[in-house]
């Protein structure tokens, strides 16, 4: 298929106007995020914005999907779309009424398992035959479930989750375009543009939040597109992990730290690095812009080292690891300094 900016532009406009309509209609829905001791906002904020993003993605992706020269991909993607829709509905129900952690997890596992039917699996060995082992399926399901939840965990500050979607999926779209996978590229750009339409109303101070319906499904899409990219030789999966590493590293390190401290890892908290910076006195906007800078650094690194020699890639990954460790240490030192100042 040929690249077409029409569906991409439409996805931006559709997302913006649907979210705008939802914002005006919110008094009738009464689906609000009420602030509590662990929240980073002070007043109730609507949390239905993810509906606008996802309706825009589904609409514009369907337009691309059913073009004549794209129909060969439709069988696999229809299964993905069904799983995506189930997750969308359950996440919306969670936003509206609240569901137990166990019931959400069961749905996450079921949706993850459904999309592995075609053998799009996380590579776990050099021997291609082992990629279709039971272990590969288990690892893939766990990977998808983790991506769903880590994106949900990181949706705790105005503009953060939508900004990661814009930057991350734009990068995947560029990789797809460079590799001649226009169909893949178009869908990535549609996700990014839909997120951009939402960000206009979500940038701090946010008028509306994404909610679980947006963050969970966005994490699901990030996992699916990373598997698609790897299995269609668009880009190795570890490059995609580098692109989304600001979310992956923060969530993983935070939950590991909470587990070591004996805390309940699935309970609400304010322990992510971006939350800790705000508690140290950084403004939401300053913290967000630094997060964007980190995202762009990771994306720029991924674009620069893709298809380069192993030694260049290894050096770049080593540098990124050092940056993450430095950030972690710096935040901890700032907290120690702040505690000393308060004691004085």
Foldseek 3Di string as FASTA:
>chain_A
DDFDCVLLLQLLVQLLVVLVVCLVCCVVLVLWDQDDPFAPDDHIAAAASLVSLVVSLVVSLVVLCPDPVNVVVNVLVVLLVVLLVQLLVVQVCCSRPNDDPVVNLVSLLVSQLSNCVVLLWADDDPDPVCCPPPVRSVVSSVQLSVLLVLLVLPQRAFPQSLLLLLLLLQLLLVLCVVVVNSSLNNSSSSSNSSSVSSSVQRHPVHNYHNGSSRRNSSSNVLSVSLSVCCVVVSFHSVLSCLLNVLSVVQLVVQLVVCVVVVHDSPDRHQRGLLSLVVVLPDDSNVSRVVSSVLSVLSSVLSVVCTVHDPVSNVVSVVVNVVVVVVSVVVSVVSVVVVVVVVVD
